[in-house]
PDB file of N, CA and C in Angstrom:
ATOM      1  N   ASP A   1     165.131 201.550  87.144  1.00  0.00           N
ATOM      2  CA  ASP A   1     163.710 201.818  87.143  1.00  0.00           C
ATOM      3  C   ASP A   1     163.022 200.838  86.186  1.00  0.00           C
ATOM      4  N   CYS A   2     162.163 199.975  86.711  1.00  0.00           N
ATOM      5  CA  CYS A   2     161.483 198.956  85.904  1.00  0.00           C
ATOM      6  C   CYS A   2     160.526 199.542  84.874  1.00  0.00           C
ATOM      7  N   LYS A   3     160.083 200.767  85.095  1.00  0.00           N
ATOM      8  CA  LYS A   3     159.138 201.384  84.159  1.00  0.00           C
ATOM      9  C   LYS A   3     159.812 201.818  82.866  1.00  0.00           C
ATOM     10  N   VAL A   4     161.116 201.958  82.882  1.00  0.00           N
ATOM     11  CA  VAL A   4     161.860 202.382  81.700  1.00  0.00           C
ATOM     12  C   VAL A   4     162.520 201.152  81.082  1.00  0.00           C
ATOM     13  N   GLU A   5     162.030 200.776  79.903  1.00  0.00           N
ATOM     14  CA  GLU A   5     162.579 199.637  79.160  1.00  0.00           C
ATOM     15  C   GLU A   5     162.755 198.398  80.031  1.00  0.00           C
ATOM     16  N   ASN A   6     161.763 198.152  80.888  1.00  0.00           N
ATOM     17  CA  ASN A   6     161.754 196.965  81.755  1.00  0.00           C
ATOM     18  C   ASN A   6     163.019 196.876  82.614  1.00  0.00           C
ATOM     19  N   GLY A   7     163.596 198.008  82.949  1.00  0.00           N
ATOM     20  CA  GLY A   7     164.804 198.041  83.779  1.00  0.00           C
ATOM     21  C   GLY A   7     166.015 197.419  83.117  1.00  0.00           C
ATOM     22  N   GLY A   8     165.924 197.183  81.814  1.00  0.00           N
ATOM     23  CA  GLY A   8     167.012 196.517  81.093  1.00  0.00           C
ATOM     24  C   GLY A   8     166.941 195.003  81.209  1.00  0.00           C
ATOM     25  N   CYS A   9     165.924 194.497  81.889  1.00  0.00           N
ATOM     26  CA  CYS A   9     165.781 193.048  82.088  1.00  0.00           C
ATOM     27  C   CYS A   9     165.205 192.388  80.844  1.00  0.00           C
ATOM     28  N   GLN A  10     165.705 191.230  80.528  1.00  0.00           N
ATOM     29  CA  GLN A  10     165.209 190.493  79.371  1.00  0.00           C
ATOM     30  C   GLN A  10     163.797 189.971  79.613  1.00  0.00           C
ATOM     31  N   HIS A  11     163.500 189.470  80.808  1.00  0.00           N
ATOM     32  CA  HIS A  11     162.174 188.907  81.090  1.00  0.00           C
ATOM     33  C   HIS A  11     161.393 189.794  82.056  1.00  0.00           C
ATOM     34  N   GLN A  12     161.586 189.635  83.359  1.00  0.00           N
ATOM     35  CA  GLN A  12     160.830 190.434  84.329  1.00  0.00           C
ATOM     36  C   GLN A  12     161.753 191.338  85.146  1.00  0.00           C
ATOM     37  N   CYS A  13     161.194 192.486  85.483  1.00  0.00           N
ATOM     38  CA  CYS A  13     161.874 193.429  86.364  1.00  0.00           C
ATOM     39  C   CYS A  13     160.972 193.656  87.572  1.00  0.00           C
ATOM     40  N   THR A  14     161.556 193.573  88.753  1.00  0.00           N
ATOM     41  CA  THR A  14     160.827 193.806  90.002  1.00  0.00           C
ATOM     42  C   THR A  14     161.585 194.852  90.793  1.00  0.00           C
ATOM     43  N   GLU A  15     160.831 195.713  91.447  1.00  0.00           N
ATOM     44  CA  GLU A  15     161.511 196.735  92.246  1.00  0.00           C
ATOM     45  C   GLU A  15     160.722 197.019  93.516  1.00  0.00           C
ATOM     46  N   ASP A  16     161.449 197.468  94.502  1.00  0.00           N
ATOM     47  CA  ASP A  16     160.823 198.003  95.708  1.00  0.00           C
ATOM     48  C   ASP A  16     161.427 199.381  95.938  1.00  0.00           C
ATOM     49  N   GLU A  17     161.201 199.962  97.097  1.00  0.00           N
ATOM     50  CA  GLU A  17     161.678 201.338  97.314  1.00  0.00           C
ATOM     51  C   GLU A  17     163.202 201.463  97.340  1.00  0.00           C
ATOM     52  N   ARG A  18     163.926 200.335  97.529  1.00  0.00           N
ATOM     53  CA  ARG A  18     165.384 200.410  97.629  1.00  0.00           C
ATOM     54  C   ARG A  18     166.152 199.807  96.469  1.00  0.00           C
ATOM     55  N   ASP A  19     165.541 198.859  95.769  1.00  0.00           N
ATOM     56  CA  ASP A  19     166.328 198.095  94.805  1.00  0.00           C
ATOM     57  C   ASP A  19     165.451 197.615  93.656  1.00  0.00           C
ATOM     58  N   GLU A  20     166.091 197.150  92.601  1.00  0.00           N
ATOM     59  CA  GLU A  20     165.401 196.500  91.497  1.00  0.00           C
ATOM     60  C   GLU A  20     166.208 195.270  91.104  1.00  0.00           C
ATOM     61  N   TRP A  21     165.506 194.267  90.575  1.00  0.00           N
ATOM     62  CA  TRP A  21     166.188 193.048  90.173  1.00  0.00           C
ATOM     63  C   TRP A  21     165.434 192.392  89.035  1.00  0.00           C
ATOM     64  N   CYS A  22     166.173 191.569  88.303  1.00  0.00           N
ATOM     65  CA  CYS A  22     165.607 190.856  87.160  1.00  0.00           C
ATOM     66  C   CYS A  22     165.346 189.405  87.543  1.00  0.00           C
ATOM     67  N   SER A  23     164.356 188.821  86.909  1.00  0.00           N
ATOM     68  CA  SER A  23     164.090 187.398  87.065  1.00  0.00           C
ATOM     69  C   SER A  23     163.702 186.839  85.694  1.00  0.00           C
ATOM     70  N   CYS A  24     163.705 185.530  85.604  1.00  0.00           N
ATOM     71  CA  CYS A  24     163.483 184.873  84.314  1.00  0.00           C
ATOM     72  C   CYS A  24     162.238 184.006  84.332  1.00  0.00           C
ATOM     73  N   ASN A  25     161.708 183.764  83.155  1.00  0.00           N
ATOM     74  CA  ASN A  25     160.587 182.840  82.992  1.00  0.00           C
ATOM     75  C   ASN A  25     161.041 181.425  83.324  1.00  0.00           C
ATOM     76  N   ASP A  26     160.082 180.519  83.552  1.00  0.00           N
ATOM     77  CA  ASP A  26     160.401 179.112  83.782  1.00  0.00           C
ATOM     78  C   ASP A  26     161.221 178.588  82.621  1.00  0.00           C
ATOM     79  N   GLY A  27     162.201 177.755  82.940  1.00  0.00           N
ATOM     80  CA  GLY A  27     163.056 177.174  81.909  1.00  0.00           C
ATOM     81  C   GLY A  27     164.275 178.015  81.580  1.00  0.00           C
ATOM     82  N   PHE A  28     164.422 179.155  82.261  1.00  0.00           N
ATOM     83  CA  PHE A  28     165.559 180.049  82.053  1.00  0.00           C
ATOM     84  C   PHE A  28     166.192 180.391  83.396  1.00  0.00           C
ATOM     85  N   GLU A  29     167.430 180.832  83.353  1.00  0.00           N
ATOM     86  CA  GLU A  29     168.115 181.280  84.560  1.00  0.00           C
ATOM     87  C   GLU A  29     168.972 182.498  84.245  1.00  0.00           C
ATOM     88  N   ILE A  30     169.304 183.237  85.289  1.00  0.00           N
ATOM     89  CA  ILE A  30     170.173 184.406  85.131  1.00  0.00           C
ATOM     90  C   ILE A  30     171.622 183.946  85.286  1.00  0.00           C
ATOM     91  N   PRO A  31     172.445 184.182  84.275  1.00  0.00           N
ATOM     92  CA  PRO A  31     173.849 183.782  84.397  1.00  0.00           C
ATOM     93  C   PRO A  31     174.591 184.683  85.384  1.00  0.00           C
ATOM     94  N   ASP A  32     175.631 184.141  85.983  1.00  0.00           N
ATOM     95  CA  ASP A  32     176.413 184.895  86.968  1.00  0.00           C
ATOM     96  C   ASP A  32     177.015 186.172  86.394  1.00  0.00           C
ATOM     97  N   GLU A  33     177.392 186.139  85.124  1.00  0.00           N
ATOM     98  CA  GLU A  33     178.112 187.269  84.525  1.00  0.00           C
ATOM     99  C   GLU A  33     177.204 188.401  84.042  1.00  0.00           C
ATOM    100  N   ASP A  34     175.880 188.180  83.961  1.00  0.00           N
ATOM    101  CA  ASP A  34     174.993 189.210  83.427  1.00  0.00           C
ATOM    102  C   ASP A  34     173.621 189.082  84.064  1.00  0.00           C
ATOM    103  N   TRP A  35     173.337 189.847  85.096  1.00  0.00           N
ATOM    104  CA  TRP A  35     172.107 189.698  85.883  1.00  0.00           C
ATOM    105  C   TRP A  35     170.854 190.232  85.197  1.00  0.00           C
ATOM    106  N   LYS A  36     171.002 190.773  83.994  1.00  0.00           N
ATOM    107  CA  LYS A  36     169.825 191.302  83.289  1.00  0.00           C
ATOM    108  C   LYS A  36     169.295 190.364  82.214  1.00  0.00           C
ATOM    109  N   ASN A  37     170.115 189.463  81.755  1.00  0.00           N
ATOM    110  CA  ASN A  37     169.707 188.555  80.679  1.00  0.00           C
ATOM    111  C   ASN A  37     169.393 187.167  81.218  1.00  0.00           C
ATOM    112  N   CYS A  38     168.682 186.400  80.431  1.00  0.00           N
ATOM    113  CA  CYS A  38     168.277 185.051  80.809  1.00  0.00           C
ATOM    114  C   CYS A  38     168.823 184.053  79.784  1.00  0.00           C
ATOM    115  N   THR A  39     169.304 182.927  80.276  1.00  0.00           N
ATOM    116  CA  THR A  39     169.772 181.866  79.389  1.00  0.00           C
ATOM    117  C   THR A  39     168.930 180.615  79.612  1.00  0.00           C
ATOM    118  N   ASP A  40     168.791 179.857  78.565  1.00  0.00           N
ATOM    119  CA  ASP A  40     168.007 178.632  78.603  1.00  0.00           C
ATOM    120  C   ASP A  40     168.658 177.619  79.547  1.00  0.00           C
ATOM    121  N   ILE A  41     167.839 176.944  80.339  1.00  0.00           N
ATOM    122  CA  ILE A  41     168.308 175.818  81.150  1.00  0.00           C
ATOM    123  C   ILE A  41     168.156 174.569  80.293  1.00  0.00           C
ATOM    124  N   ASN A  42     169.212 173.808  80.151  1.00  0.00           N
ATOM    125  CA  ASN A  42     169.129 172.557  79.408  1.00  0.00           C
ATOM    126  C   ASN A  42     168.730 171.452  80.390  1.00  0.00           C
ATOM    127  N   GLU A  43     167.427 171.212  80.501  1.00  0.00           N
ATOM    128  CA  GLU A  43     166.912 170.195  81.420  1.00  0.00           C
ATOM    129  C   GLU A  43     167.470 168.813  81.101  1.00  0.00           C
ATOM    130  N   CYS A  44     167.805 168.574  79.840  1.00  0.00           N
ATOM    131  CA  CYS A  44     168.282 167.253  79.407  1.00  0.00           C
ATOM    132  C   CYS A  44     169.668 166.918  79.947  1.00  0.00           C
ATOM    133  N   GLU A  45     170.420 167.914  80.370  1.00  0.00           N
ATOM    134  CA  GLU A  45     171.719 167.664  80.986  1.00  0.00           C
ATOM    135  C   GLU A  45     171.565 167.232  82.446  1.00  0.00           C
ATOM    136  N   GLY A  46     170.345 167.369  82.967  1.00  0.00           N
ATOM    137  CA  GLY A  46     170.070 167.013  84.351  1.00  0.00           C
ATOM    138  C   GLY A  46     169.769 165.542  84.513  1.00  0.00           C
ATOM    139  N   GLU A  47     169.145 165.232  85.619  1.00  0.00           N
ATOM    140  CA  GLU A  47     168.864 163.844  85.974  1.00  0.00           C
ATOM    141  C   GLU A  47     167.428 163.464  85.626  1.00  0.00           C
ATOM    142  N   ARG A  48     167.284 162.314  84.983  1.00  0.00           N
ATOM    143  CA  ARG A  48     165.951 161.794  84.624  1.00  0.00           C
ATOM    144  C   ARG A  48     165.136 161.610  85.905  1.00  0.00           C
ATOM    145  N   GLY A  49     163.884 162.054  85.877  1.00  0.00           N
ATOM    146  CA  GLY A  49     163.005 161.948  87.041  1.00  0.00           C
ATOM    147  C   GLY A  49     163.088 163.147  87.965  1.00  0.00           C
ATOM    148  N   GLU A  50     164.122 163.968  87.798  1.00  0.00           N
ATOM    149  CA  GLU A  50     164.249 165.192  88.596  1.00  0.00           C
ATOM    150  C   GLU A  50     164.168 166.432  87.718  1.00  0.00           C
ATOM    151  N   ASP A  51     165.035 166.496  86.708  1.00  0.00           N
ATOM    152  CA  ASP A  51     165.077 167.660  85.832  1.00  0.00           C
ATOM    153  C   ASP A  51     164.183 167.486  84.608  1.00  0.00           C
ATOM    154  N   TYR A  52     163.907 166.261  84.261  1.00  0.00           N
ATOM    155  CA  TYR A  52     162.944 165.954  83.205  1.00  0.00           C
ATOM    156  C   TYR A  52     162.225 164.664  83.552  1.00  0.00           C
ATOM    157  N   ASP A  53     161.066 164.438  82.929  1.00  0.00           N
ATOM    158  CA  ASP A  53     160.166 163.345  83.294  1.00  0.00           C
ATOM    159  C   ASP A  53     160.837 161.984  83.164  1.00  0.00           C
ATOM    160  N   GLU A  54     160.587 161.091  84.131  1.00  0.00           N
ATOM    161  CA  GLU A  54     161.199 159.768  84.109  1.00  0.00           C
ATOM    162  C   GLU A  54     160.702 158.917  82.937  1.00  0.00           C
ATOM    163  N   ASP A  55     159.543 159.246  82.367  1.00  0.00           N
ATOM    164  CA  ASP A  55     159.014 158.503  81.228  1.00  0.00           C
ATOM    165  C   ASP A  55     159.375 159.140  79.896  1.00  0.00           C
ATOM    166  N   CYS A  56     160.313 160.052  79.910  1.00  0.00           N
ATOM    167  CA  CYS A  56     160.847 160.649  78.683  1.00  0.00           C
ATOM    168  C   CYS A  56     162.017 159.772  78.242  1.00  0.00           C
ATOM    169  N   HIS A  57     161.896 159.117  77.083  1.00  0.00           N
ATOM    170  CA  HIS A  57     162.925 158.176  76.646  1.00  0.00           C
ATOM    171  C   HIS A  57     164.186 158.884  76.187  1.00  0.00           C
ATOM    172  N   ILE A  58     164.048 159.819  75.272  1.00  0.00           N
ATOM    173  CA  ILE A  58     165.194 160.595  74.784  1.00  0.00           C
ATOM    174  C   ILE A  58     164.830 162.071  74.947  1.00  0.00           C
ATOM    175  N   CYS A  59     165.497 162.740  75.852  1.00  0.00           N
ATOM    176  CA  CYS A  59     165.211 164.143  76.150  1.00  0.00           C
ATOM    177  C   CYS A  59     165.815 165.036  75.070  1.00  0.00           C
ATOM    178  N   VAL A  60     165.025 165.995  74.592  1.00  0.00           N
ATOM    179  CA  VAL A  60     165.467 166.945  73.572  1.00  0.00           C
ATOM    180  C   VAL A  60     165.216 168.354  74.112  1.00  0.00           C
ATOM    181  N   ASN A  61     166.276 169.106  74.318  1.00  0.00           N
ATOM    182  CA  ASN A  61     166.140 170.459  74.852  1.00  0.00           C
ATOM    183  C   ASN A  61     165.485 171.371  73.824  1.00  0.00           C
ATOM    184  N   THR A  62     164.604 172.239  74.308  1.00  0.00           N
ATOM    185  CA  THR A  62     164.019 173.293  73.484  1.00  0.00           C
ATOM    186  C   THR A  62     164.241 174.607  74.230  1.00  0.00           C
ATOM    187  N   ILE A  63     164.016 175.722  73.598  1.00  0.00           N
ATOM    188  CA  ILE A  63     164.210 177.011  74.244  1.00  0.00           C
ATOM    189  C   ILE A  63     163.157 177.168  75.349  1.00  0.00           C
ATOM    190  N   GLY A  64     163.610 177.173  76.591  1.00  0.00           N
ATOM    191  CA  GLY A  64     162.725 177.364  77.737  1.00  0.00           C
ATOM    192  C   GLY A  64     162.051 176.108  78.241  1.00  0.00           C
ATOM    193  N   SER A  65     162.328 174.972  77.619  1.00  0.00           N
ATOM    194  CA  SER A  65     161.660 173.744  78.037  1.00  0.00           C
ATOM    195  C   SER A  65     162.402 172.543  77.456  1.00  0.00           C
ATOM    196  N   TYR A  66     161.675 171.433  77.290  1.00  0.00           N
ATOM    197  CA  TYR A  66     162.203 170.248  76.630  1.00  0.00           C
ATOM    198  C   TYR A  66     161.030 169.450  76.068  1.00  0.00           C
ATOM    199  N   THR A  67     161.341 168.540  75.178  1.00  0.00           N
ATOM    200  CA  THR A  67     160.374 167.575  74.691  1.00  0.00           C
ATOM    201  C   THR A  67     161.067 166.225  74.641  1.00  0.00           C
ATOM    202  N   CYS A  68     160.385 165.216  74.182  1.00  0.00           N
ATOM    203  CA  CYS A  68     160.940 163.865  74.190  1.00  0.00           C
ATOM    204  C   CYS A  68     160.788 163.202  72.829  1.00  0.00           C
ATOM    205  N   GLU A  69     161.702 162.303  72.553  1.00  0.00           N
ATOM    206  CA  GLU A  69     161.540 161.346  71.474  1.00  0.00           C
ATOM    207  C   GLU A  69     161.263 160.016  72.153  1.00  0.00           C
ATOM    208  N   CYS A  70     160.395 159.218  71.555  1.00  0.00           N
ATOM    209  CA  CYS A  70     159.950 157.982  72.201  1.00  0.00           C
ATOM    210  C   CYS A  70     160.414 156.761  71.424  1.00  0.00           C
ATOM    211  N   TYR A  71     160.638 155.665  72.140  1.00  0.00           N
ATOM    212  CA  TYR A  71     161.021 154.395  71.525  1.00  0.00           C
ATOM    213  C   TYR A  71     159.843 153.822  70.745  1.00  0.00           C
ATOM    214  N   ASP A  72     160.141 152.883  69.867  1.00  0.00           N
ATOM    215  CA  ASP A  72     159.089 152.205  69.094  1.00  0.00           C
ATOM    216  C   ASP A  72     158.046 151.624  70.038  1.00  0.00           C
ATOM    217  N   GLY A  73     156.784 151.742  69.674  1.00  0.00           N
ATOM    218  CA  GLY A  73     155.697 151.231  70.491  1.00  0.00           C
ATOM    219  C   GLY A  73     155.158 152.257  71.472  1.00  0.00           C
ATOM    220  N   TYR A  74     155.786 153.409  71.536  1.00  0.00           N
ATOM    221  CA  TYR A  74     155.359 154.494  72.427  1.00  0.00           C
ATOM    222  C   TYR A  74     155.081 155.719  71.583  1.00  0.00           C
ATOM    223  N   GLU A  75     154.349 156.651  72.151  1.00  0.00           N
ATOM    224  CA  GLU A  75     154.124 157.918  71.472  1.00  0.00           C
ATOM    225  C   GLU A  75     154.243 159.047  72.479  1.00  0.00           C
ATOM    226  N   LEU A  76     154.498 160.224  71.959  1.00  0.00           N
ATOM    227  CA  LEU A  76     154.615 161.407  72.797  1.00  0.00           C
ATOM    228  C   LEU A  76     153.236 161.798  73.310  1.00  0.00           C
ATOM    229  N   ASP A  77     153.116 162.003  74.607  1.00  0.00           N
ATOM    230  CA  ASP A  77     151.852 162.434  75.205  1.00  0.00           C
ATOM    231  C   ASP A  77     151.574 163.862  74.751  1.00  0.00           C
ATOM    232  N   SER A  78     150.534 164.051  73.964  1.00  0.00           N
ATOM    233  CA  SER A  78     150.243 165.372  73.392  1.00  0.00           C
ATOM    234  C   SER A  78     149.794 166.376  74.449  1.00  0.00           C
ATOM    235  N   ALA A  79     149.380 165.907  75.623  1.00  0.00           N
ATOM    236  CA  ALA A  79     148.961 166.829  76.682  1.00  0.00           C
ATOM    237  C   ALA A  79     150.146 167.571  77.279  1.00  0.00           C
ATOM    238  N   THR A  80     151.307 166.921  77.318  1.00  0.00           N
ATOM    239  CA  THR A  80     152.480 167.547  77.942  1.00  0.00           C
ATOM    240  C   THR A  80     153.648 167.722  76.985  1.00  0.00           C
ATOM    241  N   ASN A  81     153.744 166.888  75.973  1.00  0.00           N
ATOM    242  CA  ASN A  81     154.913 166.822  75.080  1.00  0.00           C
ATOM    243  C   ASN A  81     156.196 166.539  75.847  1.00  0.00           C
ATOM    244  N   GLN A  82     156.063 165.953  77.057  1.00  0.00           N
ATOM    245  CA  GLN A  82     157.245 165.707  77.878  1.00  0.00           C
ATOM    246  C   GLN A  82     157.269 164.305  78.484  1.00  0.00           C
ATOM    247  N   THR A  83     156.473 163.409  77.961  1.00  0.00           N
ATOM    248  CA  THR A  83     156.487 162.030  78.453  1.00  0.00           C
ATOM    249  C   THR A  83     156.041 161.100  77.326  1.00  0.00           C
ATOM    250  N   CYS A  84     156.519 159.864  77.375  1.00  0.00           N
ATOM    251  CA  CYS A  84     156.172 158.868  76.376  1.00  0.00           C
ATOM    252  C   CYS A  84     155.142 157.912  76.959  1.00  0.00           C
ATOM    253  N   ILE A  85     154.119 157.621  76.183  1.00  0.00           N
ATOM    254  CA  ILE A  85     153.075 156.698  76.623  1.00  0.00           C
ATOM    255  C   ILE A  85     152.879 155.651  75.536  1.00  0.00           C
ATOM    256  N   GLY A  86     152.336 154.518  75.908  1.00  0.00           N
ATOM    257  CA  GLY A  86     152.033 153.554  74.869  1.00  0.00           C
ATOM    258  C   GLY A  86     151.960 152.130  75.343  1.00  0.00           C
ATOM    259  N   GLU A  87     153.080 151.550  75.769  1.00  0.00           N
ATOM    260  CA  GLU A  87     153.124 150.122  76.037  1.00  0.00           C
ATOM    261  C   GLU A  87     152.139 149.700  77.122  1.00  0.00           C
ATOM    262  N   LEU A  88     152.060 150.423  78.209  1.00  0.00           N
ATOM    263  CA  LEU A  88     151.140 150.074  79.286  1.00  0.00           C
ATOM    264  C   LEU A  88     149.702 150.078  78.772  1.00  0.00           C
ATOM    265  N   TYR A  89     149.350 151.076  77.984  1.00  0.00           N
ATOM    266  CA  TYR A  89     147.999 151.166  77.452  1.00  0.00           C
ATOM    267  C   TYR A  89     147.726 150.033  76.472  1.00  0.00           C
ATOM    268  N   LEU A  90     148.721 149.653  75.685  1.00  0.00           N
ATOM    269  CA  LEU A  90     148.549 148.551  74.746  1.00  0.00           C
ATOM    270  C   LEU A  90     148.349 147.230  75.481  1.00  0.00           C
ATOM    271  N   VAL A  91     149.084 147.012  76.560  1.00  0.00           N
ATOM    272  CA  VAL A  91     148.935 145.792  77.347  1.00  0.00           C
ATOM    273  C   VAL A  91     147.539 145.724  77.951  1.00  0.00           C
ATOM    274  N   ILE A  92     147.068 146.793  78.516  1.00  0.00           N
ATOM    275  CA  ILE A  92     145.730 146.822  79.102  1.00  0.00           C
ATOM    276  C   ILE A  92     144.687 146.550  78.020  1.00  0.00           C
ATOM    277  N   GLU A  93     144.827 147.205  76.875  1.00  0.00           N
ATOM    278  CA  GLU A  93     143.879 147.011  75.787  1.00  0.00           C
ATOM    279  C   GLU A  93     143.943 145.576  75.283  1.00  0.00           C
ATOM    280  N   TYR A  94     145.136 145.023  75.122  1.00  0.00           N
ATOM    281  CA  TYR A  94     145.313 143.647  74.653  1.00  0.00           C
ATOM    282  C   TYR A  94     144.673 142.672  75.632  1.00  0.00           C
ATOM    283  N   ASN A  95     144.899 142.837  76.926  1.00  0.00           N
ATOM    284  CA  ASN A  95     144.308 141.953  77.933  1.00  0.00           C
ATOM    285  C   ASN A  95     142.793 142.010  77.891  1.00  0.00           C
ATOM    286  N   SER A  96     142.234 143.173  77.693  1.00  0.00           N
ATOM    287  CA  SER A  96     140.779 143.295  77.616  1.00  0.00           C
ATOM    288  C   SER A  96     140.238 142.544  76.405  1.00  0.00           C
ATOM    289  N   VAL A  97     140.917 142.661  75.272  1.00  0.00           N
ATOM    290  CA  VAL A  97     140.482 141.973  74.057  1.00  0.00           C
ATOM    291  C   VAL A  97     140.603 140.467  74.247  1.00  0.00           C
ATOM    292  N   VAL A  98     141.721 139.989  74.800  1.00  0.00           N
ATOM    293  CA  VAL A  98     141.924 138.562  75.022  1.00  0.00           C
ATOM    294  C   VAL A  98     140.850 138.015  75.955  1.00  0.00           C
ATOM    295  N   ARG A  99     140.584 138.712  77.046  1.00  0.00           N
ATOM    296  CA  ARG A  99     139.546 138.271  77.987  1.00  0.00           C
ATOM    297  C   ARG A  99     138.180 138.249  77.291  1.00  0.00           C
ATOM    298  N   GLY A 100     137.911 139.241  76.471  1.00  0.00           N
ATOM    299  CA  GLY A 100     136.650 139.306  75.755  1.00  0.00           C
ATOM    300  C   GLY A 100     136.493 138.133  74.792  1.00  0.00           C
ATOM    301  N   VAL A 101     137.560 137.789  74.093  1.00  0.00           N
ATOM    302  CA  VAL A 101     137.526 136.664  73.156  1.00  0.00           C
ATOM    303  C   VAL A 101     137.339 135.363  73.923  1.00  0.00           C
ATOM    304  N   GLN A 102     138.070 135.188  75.017  1.00  0.00           N
ATOM    305  CA  GLN A 102     137.936 133.969  75.819  1.00  0.00           C
ATOM    306  C   GLN A 102     136.523 133.830  76.367  1.00  0.00           C
ATOM    307  N   ASP A 103     135.919 134.937  76.813  1.00  0.00           N
ATOM    308  CA  ASP A 103     134.569 134.897  77.362  1.00  0.00           C
ATOM    309  C   ASP A 103     133.565 134.419  76.314  1.00  0.00           C
ATOM    310  N   VAL A 104     133.789 134.797  75.061  1.00  0.00           N
ATOM    311  CA  VAL A 104     132.867 134.417  73.994  1.00  0.00           C
ATOM    312  C   VAL A 104     132.950 132.907  73.753  1.00  0.00           C
ATOM    313  N   TYR A 105     134.163 132.338  73.807  1.00  0.00           N
ATOM    314  CA  TYR A 105     134.336 130.919  73.484  1.00  0.00           C
ATOM    315  C   TYR A 105     134.173 130.005  74.693  1.00  0.00           C
ATOM    316  N   ASN A 106     134.030 130.530  75.903  1.00  0.00           N
ATOM    317  CA  ASN A 106     133.883 129.688  77.097  1.00  0.00           C
ATOM    318  C   ASN A 106     132.438 129.454  77.430  1.00  0.00           C
TER     319      ASN A 106
END
């Protein structure tokens, strides 16, 4: 019964007239040996571009999610905390400045 202590489920309990079952929040899964509890999915053990963002340089697992460490010249995108940004923006900014300087002297 989901109304009593969430049916024993760690995250969500769902029931219909015949059965009840547990489910987990994003970033977690139900292990085969215990259908009521949820364990963290380590996205970093997966494949870049599928299980974690392709622009994440060094994947760092967190409880229920992941974050990234970025190479020099890049920074963590504060909107997602799951991708590194920097070099492309620096190149665009540098090209604009160079073009601006050239325009002044031409």
